[in-house]
Amino acid sequence: MGLKNPYVFAISIQIIQASMTLFTKAAINGGMKSMSVFVFYRLLFGSVFLFLLSAIFERRSTTPLTFLIFFKISVVAFLSHTLTMNLYGIALLYTSASLVATATNCVPVTTFFFAVLLGKEKVNVREIAGAAKLGGITICIVGGATLAFFNGPILNTKWIVGCFLSFLAVSSWGLAFVLQAGVLETYPSKLHFTSLQCLSSTVQSFLVAITVERDLSEWKLAWNVRLLAVLYCGFVVTGVSHYLQSWVIAMKGPVFLGMSTPLSPIPTMIGSMFLFGENMNLGSIVGEIILVAGLYSVLWGQTHEQNLATKSSLPVHDEKTCVNAEDKEPKDAQASYLAK
């Protein structure tokens, strides 16, 4: 197993993402009210950490940075960091850590949708693989609706708003995966890419934070769970996890990374039950099952297409040529023997 194994990276990313949700929820329960300030601080720490790493490991392998490439990186940064993180944070205020983690199961669907829309993936509904993909997307939509509306006898308005914000965050995240794959083709320096991405989103998040939050007390950091969450999310999540994402997308594509997201809700649900005393309602369980079923329908369709493409690319051997080649060797050997 190589050091740059996409499967190991993908699993590591999901474990980090699960712990991020738990740390953020703990900070909210500890009194943190402004998610925009929290997002700014975690991106700030992450940017410092990444630029230190890039100065050490990619000092001599810098790809030329043009204005167009930097603009594309800034767009990806806004979608993947600034917008997604703020939406997820607000969704955590309105719902639970379990639901927000479960909503990430929709990331493969939104990633696949935007990949098809932008021409990165193709779907032929007349073939079984294409039908499986389309059916899986439909099932995932049903699962997402179940999570939002099947929440017991009382329908909470904040819960629905939180679910809607989670869906917007998932959509933004999926689109960012697809766009990031295109940017990495022209700017393959992954550590520099991630550093510039974090720097751009740090500036964007600061502008959002000073616009939304005017209470100076929310900007103060103290020795509490909020500082711990900021440090962990800044160094580990923003620094390490997003760098690993660049590697996985470059090696296996955006859809592969999206398909690993169902690993994240499981440790998040277990942790939220023990740490925060959250109860699992029937809607969350049913919605999770439906989402996973739809997700792996899409995954099966994509794997089936890849297997067919691999078989069609294999060289075809001419049996007649092979037989003649086998017959030729004994005859040549016999002629050589008679000549002696």
Protein backbone atom coordinates (compact mmCIF):
# COMPACT_ATOMS: atom_id res chain seq x y z
CA MET A 1 0.00 0.00 0.00
CA GLY A 2 1.49 3.32 -1.10
CA LEU A 3 1.84 6.40 1.03
CA LYS A 4 -0.57 8.27 -1.25
CA ASN A 5 -3.44 5.79 -1.14
CA PRO A 6 -6.76 7.45 -2.09
CA TYR A 7 -8.81 4.97 -0.02
CA VAL A 8 -6.82 5.67 3.15
CA PHE A 9 -7.04 9.40 2.48
CA ALA A 10 -10.82 9.24 1.91
CA ILE A 11 -11.43 7.34 5.16
CA SER A 12 -9.18 9.73 7.08
CA ILE A 13 -11.07 12.72 5.68
CA GLN A 14 -14.42 11.35 6.83
CA ILE A 15 -13.13 10.62 10.35
CA ILE A 16 -11.83 14.19 10.56
CA GLN A 17 -15.14 15.56 9.25
CA ALA A 18 -17.09 13.59 11.86
CA SER A 19 -14.96 14.93 14.70
CA MET A 20 -15.30 18.46 13.26
CA THR A 21 -19.08 18.27 13.61
CA LEU A 22 -18.77 17.12 17.22
CA PHE A 23 -16.24 19.84 18.11
CA THR A 24 -18.40 22.53 16.52
CA LYS A 25 -21.54 21.33 18.30
CA ALA A 26 -19.62 21.29 21.60
CA ALA A 27 -18.58 24.91 21.02
CA ILE A 28 -22.21 25.86 20.31
CA ASN A 29 -23.36 24.15 23.50
CA GLY A 30 -20.56 25.99 25.31
CA GLY A 31 -22.06 29.37 24.45
CA MET A 32 -20.74 30.17 20.98
CA LYS A 33 -23.38 32.13 19.05
CA SER A 34 -21.59 33.60 16.03
CA MET A 35 -20.76 30.95 13.44
CA SER A 36 -19.33 33.53 11.03
CA VAL A 37 -16.60 34.51 13.53
CA PHE A 38 -15.89 30.84 14.25
CA VAL A 39 -15.51 30.11 10.52
CA PHE A 40 -13.15 33.08 10.12
CA TYR A 41 -10.89 31.99 12.99
CA ARG A 42 -10.64 28.37 11.85
CA LEU A 43 -9.77 29.47 8.30
CA LEU A 44 -7.21 31.94 9.64
CA PHE A 45 -5.41 29.26 11.67
CA GLY A 46 -5.68 26.84 8.77
CA SER A 47 -4.15 29.34 6.33
CA VAL A 48 -1.15 29.99 8.59
CA PHE A 49 -0.59 26.25 9.03
CA LEU A 50 -0.86 25.51 5.29
CA PHE A 51 1.45 28.31 4.21
CA LEU A 52 4.09 27.04 6.65
CA LEU A 53 3.77 23.56 5.15
CA SER A 54 3.90 24.84 1.57
CA ALA A 55 7.01 26.89 2.37
CA ILE A 56 8.71 23.72 3.63
CA PHE A 57 7.53 21.01 1.22
CA GLU A 58 6.63 22.82 -2.03
CA ARG A 59 9.08 25.69 -1.97
CA ARG A 60 10.75 24.67 -5.26
CA SER A 61 7.77 23.10 -7.04
CA THR A 62 5.57 26.13 -7.48
CA THR A 63 3.35 26.18 -10.56
CA PRO A 64 3.03 29.62 -12.21
CA LEU A 65 -0.02 31.38 -10.78
CA THR A 66 -2.03 33.52 -13.20
CA PHE A 67 -4.87 35.86 -12.36
CA LEU A 68 -7.40 33.51 -14.00
CA ILE A 69 -6.23 30.55 -11.93
CA PHE A 70 -6.34 32.62 -8.73
CA PHE A 71 -9.88 33.75 -9.61
CA LYS A 72 -10.94 30.11 -10.09
CA ILE A 73 -9.35 29.18 -6.76
CA SER A 74 -11.25 32.04 -5.09
CA VAL A 75 -14.55 30.78 -6.53
CA VAL A 76 -13.84 27.26 -5.27
CA ALA A 77 -12.83 28.73 -1.89
CA PHE A 78 -16.11 30.61 -1.61
CA LEU A 79 -18.18 27.52 -2.41
CA SER A 80 -16.21 24.94 -0.41
CA HIS A 81 -15.27 27.03 2.63
CA THR A 82 -16.99 30.38 3.05
CA LEU A 83 -20.52 29.44 1.97
CA THR A 84 -20.55 25.78 3.00
CA MET A 85 -19.07 26.31 6.47
CA ASN A 86 -21.37 29.19 7.36
CA LEU A 87 -24.45 27.30 6.18
CA TYR A 88 -23.43 24.18 8.09
CA GLY A 89 -22.80 26.22 11.22
CA ILE A 90 -26.24 27.80 11.13
CA ALA A 91 -27.79 24.40 10.42
CA LEU A 92 -26.08 23.06 13.56
CA LEU A 93 -27.67 25.87 15.57
CA TYR A 94 -31.13 24.86 14.33
CA THR A 95 -30.83 21.06 14.26
CA SER A 96 -28.52 18.38 15.65
CA ALA A 97 -25.05 17.07 14.92
CA SER A 98 -26.55 13.76 13.80
CA LEU A 99 -28.78 15.34 11.18
CA VAL A 100 -26.06 17.61 9.77
CA ALA A 101 -23.72 14.62 9.51
CA THR A 102 -26.42 12.51 7.88
CA ALA A 103 -27.13 15.27 5.37
CA THR A 104 -23.59 14.87 4.05
CA ASN A 105 -24.78 11.64 2.45
CA CYS A 106 -26.29 13.89 -0.21
CA VAL A 107 -22.82 15.16 -1.20
CA PRO A 108 -22.23 12.30 -3.70
CA VAL A 109 -25.57 13.04 -5.33
CA THR A 110 -24.97 16.77 -5.67
CA THR A 111 -21.40 16.12 -6.82
CA PHE A 112 -22.63 13.68 -9.45
CA PHE A 113 -25.41 16.06 -10.53
CA PHE A 114 -23.01 18.95 -11.11
CA ALA A 115 -20.48 16.62 -12.75
CA VAL A 116 -23.14 15.61 -15.29
CA LEU A 117 -24.30 19.20 -15.69
CA LEU A 118 -20.75 20.42 -16.40
CA GLY A 119 -19.89 17.52 -18.70
CA LYS A 120 -17.54 15.68 -16.32
CA GLU A 121 -19.81 12.60 -16.14
CA LYS A 122 -22.17 11.03 -18.67
CA VAL A 123 -25.48 9.24 -18.05
CA ASN A 124 -27.27 7.00 -20.54
CA VAL A 125 -30.67 6.16 -19.04
CA ARG A 126 -31.18 3.41 -21.65
CA GLU A 127 -28.39 1.38 -20.07
CA ILE A 128 -28.68 -0.35 -16.70
CA ALA A 129 -25.80 1.65 -15.20
CA GLY A 130 -27.35 4.97 -16.21
CA ALA A 131 -30.75 3.90 -14.89
CA ALA A 132 -29.14 2.90 -11.57
CA LYS A 133 -27.53 6.33 -11.28
CA LEU A 134 -30.75 8.18 -12.04
CA GLY A 135 -32.74 5.95 -9.71
CA GLY A 136 -30.18 6.41 -6.95
CA ILE A 137 -30.41 10.18 -7.22
CA THR A 138 -34.20 9.99 -6.95
CA ILE A 139 -33.98 7.73 -3.89
CA CYS A 140 -31.53 10.12 -2.21
CA ILE A 141 -33.93 13.02 -2.76
CA VAL A 142 -36.65 10.97 -1.02
CA GLY A 143 -34.23 10.21 1.84
CA GLY A 144 -33.39 13.89 2.25
CA ALA A 145 -37.07 14.78 2.37
CA THR A 146 -37.62 12.09 5.01
CA LEU A 147 -34.88 13.57 7.17
CA ALA A 148 -36.43 17.02 6.93
CA PHE A 149 -40.14 16.31 7.39
CA PHE A 150 -40.44 12.96 9.17
CA ASN A 151 -39.33 14.14 12.61
CA GLY A 152 -42.03 12.84 14.92
CA PRO A 153 -45.50 14.20 15.75
CA ILE A 154 -44.45 17.88 16.02
CA LEU A 155 -42.93 19.60 12.98
CA ASN A 156 -40.41 22.20 14.13
CA THR A 157 -39.94 25.21 11.83
CA LYS A 158 -36.30 25.68 12.84
CA TRP A 159 -35.65 22.03 12.09
CA ILE A 160 -36.95 22.43 8.53
CA VAL A 161 -34.90 25.61 8.03
CA GLY A 162 -31.82 23.79 9.31
CA CYS A 163 -32.44 20.92 6.89
CA PHE A 164 -32.82 23.37 4.02
CA LEU A 165 -29.55 25.10 4.94
CA SER A 166 -27.84 21.71 5.16
CA PHE A 167 -29.04 20.91 1.64
CA LEU A 168 -27.70 24.25 0.35
CA ALA A 169 -24.36 23.52 2.03
CA VAL A 170 -24.24 20.05 0.48
CA SER A 171 -25.02 21.50 -2.96
CA SER A 172 -22.29 24.12 -2.60
CA TRP A 173 -19.85 21.47 -1.43
CA GLY A 174 -20.64 19.15 -4.33
CA LEU A 175 -20.22 21.93 -6.90
CA ALA A 176 -16.90 22.89 -5.30
CA PHE A 177 -15.60 19.31 -5.70
CA VAL A 178 -16.34 19.35 -9.43
CA LEU A 179 -14.84 22.80 -10.02
CA GLN A 180 -11.80 21.93 -7.92
CA ALA A 181 -11.02 18.97 -10.17
CA GLY A 182 -10.84 21.31 -13.16
CA VAL A 183 -8.61 23.82 -11.37
CA LEU A 184 -6.18 21.11 -10.24
CA GLU A 185 -5.66 20.12 -13.88
CA THR A 186 -4.17 23.54 -14.60
CA TYR A 187 -2.63 24.16 -11.16
CA PRO A 188 -1.39 20.78 -9.85
CA SER A 189 0.56 22.15 -6.85
CA LYS A 190 -1.87 20.76 -4.30
CA LEU A 191 -0.39 22.29 -1.16
CA HIS A 192 -0.14 25.73 -2.74
CA PHE A 193 -3.66 25.32 -4.11
CA THR A 194 -5.06 24.48 -0.67
CA SER A 195 -3.11 27.35 0.93
CA LEU A 196 -4.41 29.90 -1.58
CA GLN A 197 -7.90 28.46 -1.22
CA CYS A 198 -7.82 28.93 2.55
CA LEU A 199 -6.30 32.41 2.29
CA SER A 200 -8.99 33.54 -0.14
CA SER A 201 -11.81 32.13 1.99
CA THR A 202 -10.25 33.69 5.12
CA VAL A 203 -10.60 37.14 3.56
CA GLN A 204 -14.13 36.33 2.38
CA SER A 205 -15.15 34.99 5.80
CA PHE A 206 -13.72 38.05 7.55
CA LEU A 207 -15.89 40.31 5.38
CA VAL A 208 -18.93 38.16 6.19
CA ALA A 209 -18.13 38.12 9.92
CA ILE A 210 -17.66 41.89 10.34
CA THR A 211 -20.90 42.44 8.43
CA VAL A 212 -22.95 39.98 10.46
CA GLU A 213 -21.37 40.13 13.93
CA ARG A 214 -20.79 43.52 15.62
CA ASP A 215 -20.59 42.22 19.19
CA LEU A 216 -16.91 42.40 20.22
CA SER A 217 -17.38 39.75 22.89
CA GLU A 218 -17.99 37.16 20.15
CA TRP A 219 -14.55 37.93 18.68
CA LYS A 220 -12.67 37.22 21.91
CA LEU A 221 -10.99 33.83 22.30
CA ALA A 222 -10.52 32.32 25.75
CA TRP A 223 -9.23 29.04 27.16
CA ASN A 224 -12.42 27.07 26.65
CA VAL A 225 -14.01 24.53 24.31
CA ARG A 226 -14.50 27.23 21.66
CA LEU A 227 -10.74 27.78 21.38
CA LEU A 228 -10.18 24.02 21.24
CA ALA A 229 -12.74 23.72 18.43
CA VAL A 230 -11.15 26.62 16.51
CA LEU A 231 -7.66 25.10 16.81
CA TYR A 232 -8.79 21.61 15.82
CA CYS A 233 -10.93 22.79 12.91
CA GLY A 234 -8.21 25.19 11.79
CA PHE A 235 -5.17 22.93 11.89
CA VAL A 236 -6.64 19.45 11.37
CA VAL A 237 -9.83 20.01 9.36
CA THR A 238 -8.93 23.05 7.25
CA GLY A 239 -5.22 22.25 7.12
CA VAL A 240 -4.88 18.48 6.87
CA SER A 241 -8.31 17.37 5.62
CA HIS A 242 -8.62 19.85 2.76
CA TYR A 243 -5.08 19.09 1.61
CA LEU A 244 -5.97 15.38 1.50
CA GLN A 245 -9.11 16.26 -0.46
CA SER A 246 -6.95 17.81 -3.17
CA TRP A 247 -4.96 14.58 -3.45
CA VAL A 248 -8.05 12.35 -3.62
CA ILE A 249 -9.75 14.54 -6.25
CA ALA A 250 -6.57 14.63 -8.34
CA MET A 251 -6.09 10.83 -8.12
CA LYS A 252 -9.65 9.48 -8.32
CA GLY A 253 -11.91 12.39 -9.27
CA PRO A 254 -14.60 14.38 -7.41
CA VAL A 255 -17.30 11.68 -7.53
CA PHE A 256 -15.03 9.16 -5.75
CA LEU A 257 -14.45 11.58 -2.88
CA GLY A 258 -18.17 12.29 -2.64
CA MET A 259 -18.91 8.56 -2.43
CA SER A 260 -16.89 8.27 0.79
CA THR A 261 -19.13 10.66 2.76
CA PRO A 262 -21.47 7.95 4.22
CA LEU A 263 -18.60 6.99 6.53
CA SER A 264 -18.90 10.29 8.41
CA PRO A 265 -22.42 10.11 9.96
CA ILE A 266 -21.81 6.86 11.85
CA PRO A 267 -19.16 8.12 14.34
CA THR A 268 -20.98 11.46 14.51
CA MET A 269 -24.25 9.83 15.56
CA ILE A 270 -22.53 7.67 18.17
CA GLY A 271 -20.57 10.63 19.54
CA SER A 272 -23.59 12.95 19.68
CA MET A 273 -25.60 10.35 21.60
CA PHE A 274 -22.91 9.90 24.27
CA LEU A 275 -21.54 13.46 24.42
CA PHE A 276 -24.67 15.58 23.93
CA GLY A 277 -27.48 13.17 24.83
CA GLU A 278 -29.15 13.54 21.44
CA ASN A 279 -31.96 11.11 20.74
CA MET A 280 -32.29 9.40 17.38
CA ASN A 281 -35.77 9.87 15.94
CA LEU A 282 -37.38 7.51 13.46
CA GLY A 283 -37.07 10.03 10.63
CA SER A 284 -33.29 10.17 10.97
CA ILE A 285 -32.96 6.39 10.91
CA VAL A 286 -35.33 5.87 7.96
CA GLY A 287 -33.84 8.80 6.07
CA GLU A 288 -30.30 7.49 6.62
CA ILE A 289 -31.25 4.04 5.29
CA ILE A 290 -32.93 5.53 2.20
CA LEU A 291 -29.99 7.85 1.55
CA VAL A 292 -27.44 5.04 1.77
CA ALA A 293 -29.55 2.84 -0.54
CA GLY A 294 -29.77 5.60 -3.13
CA LEU A 295 -26.11 6.46 -2.73
CA TYR A 296 -24.88 2.96 -3.43
CA SER A 297 -27.24 2.66 -6.37
CA VAL A 298 -25.34 5.57 -7.90
CA LEU A 299 -22.05 3.98 -6.84
CA TRP A 300 -22.97 0.64 -8.43
CA GLY A 301 -23.91 2.37 -11.67
CA GLN A 302 -20.62 4.21 -11.83
CA THR A 303 -18.58 1.10 -10.99
CA HIS A 304 -20.45 -0.89 -13.66
CA GLU A 305 -19.64 1.76 -16.27
CA GLN A 306 -15.97 1.81 -15.26
CA ASN A 307 -15.74 -1.99 -15.55
CA LEU A 308 -17.28 -1.91 -19.03
CA ALA A 309 -14.89 0.85 -20.07
CA THR A 310 -11.92 -1.17 -18.76
CA LYS A 311 -12.99 -4.30 -20.65
CA SER A 312 -13.51 -2.39 -23.89
CA SER A 313 -10.02 -0.86 -23.62
CA LEU A 314 -8.27 -4.25 -23.30
CA PRO A 315 -6.40 -5.43 -26.46
CA VAL A 316 -8.20 -8.09 -28.54
CA HIS A 317 -6.02 -11.06 -29.49
CA ASP A 318 -6.47 -12.82 -32.83
CA GLU A 319 -6.86 -16.53 -32.06
CA LYS A 320 -5.70 -17.52 -35.56
CA THR A 321 -2.52 -15.53 -35.15
CA CYS A 322 -1.87 -17.12 -31.76
CA VAL A 323 -2.33 -20.65 -33.16
CA ASN A 324 -0.01 -19.97 -36.06
CA ALA A 325 2.58 -18.55 -33.70
CA GLU A 326 2.39 -21.68 -31.56
CA ASP A 327 2.68 -24.00 -34.63
CA LYS A 328 5.56 -22.08 -36.08
CA GLU A 329 7.95 -22.69 -33.20
CA PRO A 330 8.06 -26.55 -33.42
CA LYS A 331 8.48 -26.43 -37.22
CA ASP A 332 11.36 -24.01 -36.98
CA ALA A 333 13.00 -26.15 -34.33
CA GLN A 334 12.61 -29.29 -36.50
CA ALA A 335 14.14 -27.56 -39.54
CA SER A 336 17.08 -26.42 -37.47
CA TYR A 337 17.65 -29.97 -36.23
CA LEU A 338 17.59 -31.48 -39.80
CA ALA A 339 20.03 -28.87 -41.01
CA LYS A 340 22.50 -30.09 -38.46
